Amino acid sequence: MKERIKAVLLRARYAAIGAAVGAAIGGLFSRNAASTGGAIGGLVGATVADTRGTLEGTLEDLGELDPRSTDGSEE
């Protein structure tokens, strides 16, 4: 349960950061662009958080399967 809550909070944090950056960039152009930039930035941030969580697990699995990832004590 703790891991699920942690993942949800990570996703929310990335979405908030993405929304802030998108709104700041859009705000340079107009108020409507700030709103749109915030929405798109939030979606991108949430997607990055999901991808990051999936990538970490996948990279760990690949590291275990890679024969080059041994510590060198077998030689």
C-alpha atoms as a PDB file:
ATOM      1  CA  MET A   1       0.000   0.000   0.000  1.00  0.00           C
ATOM      2  CA  LYS A   2       2.859   2.345   0.832  1.00  0.00           C
ATOM      3  CA  GLU A   3       4.373   1.848  -2.633  1.00  0.00           C
ATOM      4  CA  ARG A   4       1.066   2.674  -4.322  1.00  0.00           C
ATOM      5  CA  ILE A   5       0.728   5.897  -2.367  1.00  0.00           C
ATOM      6  CA  LYS A   6       4.338   6.773  -3.140  1.00  0.00           C
ATOM      7  CA  ALA A   7       3.745   6.204  -6.873  1.00  0.00           C
ATOM      8  CA  VAL A   8       0.586   8.337  -6.845  1.00  0.00           C
ATOM      9  CA  LEU A   9       2.365  11.183  -5.054  1.00  0.00           C
ATOM     10  CA  LEU A  10       5.288  10.990  -7.487  1.00  0.00           C
ATOM     11  CA  ARG A  11       2.895  11.191 -10.403  1.00  0.00           C
ATOM     12  CA  ALA A  12       1.096  14.170  -8.852  1.00  0.00           C
ATOM     13  CA  ARG A  13       4.399  15.944  -8.197  1.00  0.00           C
ATOM     14  CA  TYR A  14       5.566  15.500 -11.784  1.00  0.00           C
ATOM     15  CA  ALA A  15       2.176  16.621 -13.100  1.00  0.00           C
ATOM     16  CA  ALA A  16       2.296  19.763 -10.945  1.00  0.00           C
ATOM     17  CA  ILE A  17       5.819  20.599 -12.063  1.00  0.00           C
ATOM     18  CA  GLY A  18       4.883  20.000 -15.702  1.00  0.00           C
ATOM     19  CA  ALA A  19       1.814  22.201 -15.365  1.00  0.00           C
ATOM     20  CA  ALA A  20       3.829  25.002 -13.793  1.00  0.00           C
ATOM     21  CA  VAL A  21       6.473  24.902 -16.507  1.00  0.00           C
ATOM     22  CA  GLY A  22       3.865  24.704 -19.272  1.00  0.00           C
ATOM     23  CA  ALA A  23       1.900  27.593 -17.819  1.00  0.00           C
ATOM     24  CA  ALA A  24       5.038  29.704 -17.433  1.00  0.00           C
ATOM     25  CA  ILE A  25       6.051  29.137 -21.036  1.00  0.00           C
ATOM     26  CA  GLY A  26       2.508  29.703 -22.298  1.00  0.00           C
ATOM     27  CA  GLY A  27       2.212  32.814 -20.144  1.00  0.00           C
ATOM     28  CA  LEU A  28       4.937  34.425 -22.178  1.00  0.00           C
ATOM     29  CA  PHE A  29       2.502  34.545 -25.084  1.00  0.00           C
ATOM     30  CA  SER A  30      -1.004  35.045 -23.702  1.00  0.00           C
ATOM     31  CA  ARG A  31      -3.430  34.103 -20.960  1.00  0.00           C
ATOM     32  CA  ASN A  32      -5.088  31.460 -23.119  1.00  0.00           C
ATOM     33  CA  ALA A  33      -1.726  29.963 -24.010  1.00  0.00           C
ATOM     34  CA  ALA A  34      -0.855  29.823 -20.307  1.00  0.00           C
ATOM     35  CA  SER A  35      -3.976  27.796 -19.611  1.00  0.00           C
ATOM     36  CA  THR A  36      -3.320  25.450 -22.507  1.00  0.00           C
ATOM     37  CA  GLY A  37       0.356  25.137 -21.603  1.00  0.00           C
ATOM     38  CA  GLY A  38      -0.537  24.267 -18.038  1.00  0.00           C
ATOM     39  CA  ALA A  39      -2.917  21.532 -19.149  1.00  0.00           C
ATOM     40  CA  ILE A  40      -0.480  20.045 -21.633  1.00  0.00           C
ATOM     41  CA  GLY A  41       2.380  20.316 -19.152  1.00  0.00           C
ATOM     42  CA  GLY A  42       0.337  18.456 -16.542  1.00  0.00           C
ATOM     43  CA  LEU A  43      -0.346  15.624 -18.963  1.00  0.00           C
ATOM     44  CA  VAL A  44       3.299  15.443 -19.983  1.00  0.00           C
ATOM     45  CA  GLY A  45       4.418  15.449 -16.348  1.00  0.00           C
ATOM     46  CA  ALA A  46       2.069  12.607 -15.431  1.00  0.00           C
ATOM     47  CA  THR A  47       3.208  10.625 -18.462  1.00  0.00           C
ATOM     48  CA  VAL A  48       6.861  11.135 -17.558  1.00  0.00           C
ATOM     49  CA  ALA A  49       6.186   9.927 -14.009  1.00  0.00           C
ATOM     50  CA  ASP A  50       4.483   6.777 -15.301  1.00  0.00           C
ATOM     51  CA  THR A  51       7.257   6.126 -17.807  1.00  0.00           C
ATOM     52  CA  ARG A  52       9.949   6.702 -15.217  1.00  0.00           C
ATOM     53  CA  GLY A  53       8.371   4.217 -12.820  1.00  0.00           C
ATOM     54  CA  THR A  54       8.105   1.600 -15.547  1.00  0.00           C
ATOM     55  CA  LEU A  55      11.610   2.220 -16.827  1.00  0.00           C
ATOM     56  CA  GLU A  56      13.247   1.819 -13.422  1.00  0.00           C
ATOM     57  CA  GLY A  57      11.756  -1.643 -12.977  1.00  0.00           C
ATOM     58  CA  THR A  58      12.615  -2.668 -16.527  1.00  0.00           C
ATOM     59  CA  LEU A  59      16.221  -1.465 -16.253  1.00  0.00           C
ATOM     60  CA  GLU A  60      16.679  -3.372 -13.008  1.00  0.00           C
ATOM     61  CA  ASP A  61      15.382  -6.547 -14.672  1.00  0.00           C
ATOM     62  CA  LEU A  62      17.679  -6.053 -17.658  1.00  0.00           C
ATOM     63  CA  GLY A  63      20.663  -5.458 -15.379  1.00  0.00           C
ATOM     64  CA  GLU A  64      20.061  -8.799 -13.705  1.00  0.00           C
ATOM     65  CA  LEU A  65      19.911 -10.585 -17.069  1.00  0.00           C
ATOM     66  CA  ASP A  66      22.979  -8.895 -18.562  1.00  0.00           C
ATOM     67  CA  PRO A  67      26.087 -11.086 -18.253  1.00  0.00           C
ATOM     68  CA  ARG A  68      28.331  -8.009 -18.394  1.00  0.00           C
ATOM     69  CA  SER A  69      26.829  -6.683 -15.160  1.00  0.00           C
ATOM     70  CA  THR A  70      28.750  -9.074 -12.927  1.00  0.00           C
ATOM     71  CA  ASP A  71      31.117  -7.665 -10.348  1.00  0.00           C
ATOM     72  CA  GLY A  72      34.214  -9.335 -11.865  1.00  0.00           C
ATOM     73  CA  SER A  73      34.908 -11.682  -8.970  1.00  0.00           C
ATOM     74  CA  GLU A  74      34.237 -14.749 -11.126  1.00  0.00           C
ATOM     75  CA  GLU A  75      37.385 -14.293 -13.229  1.00  0.00           C
END
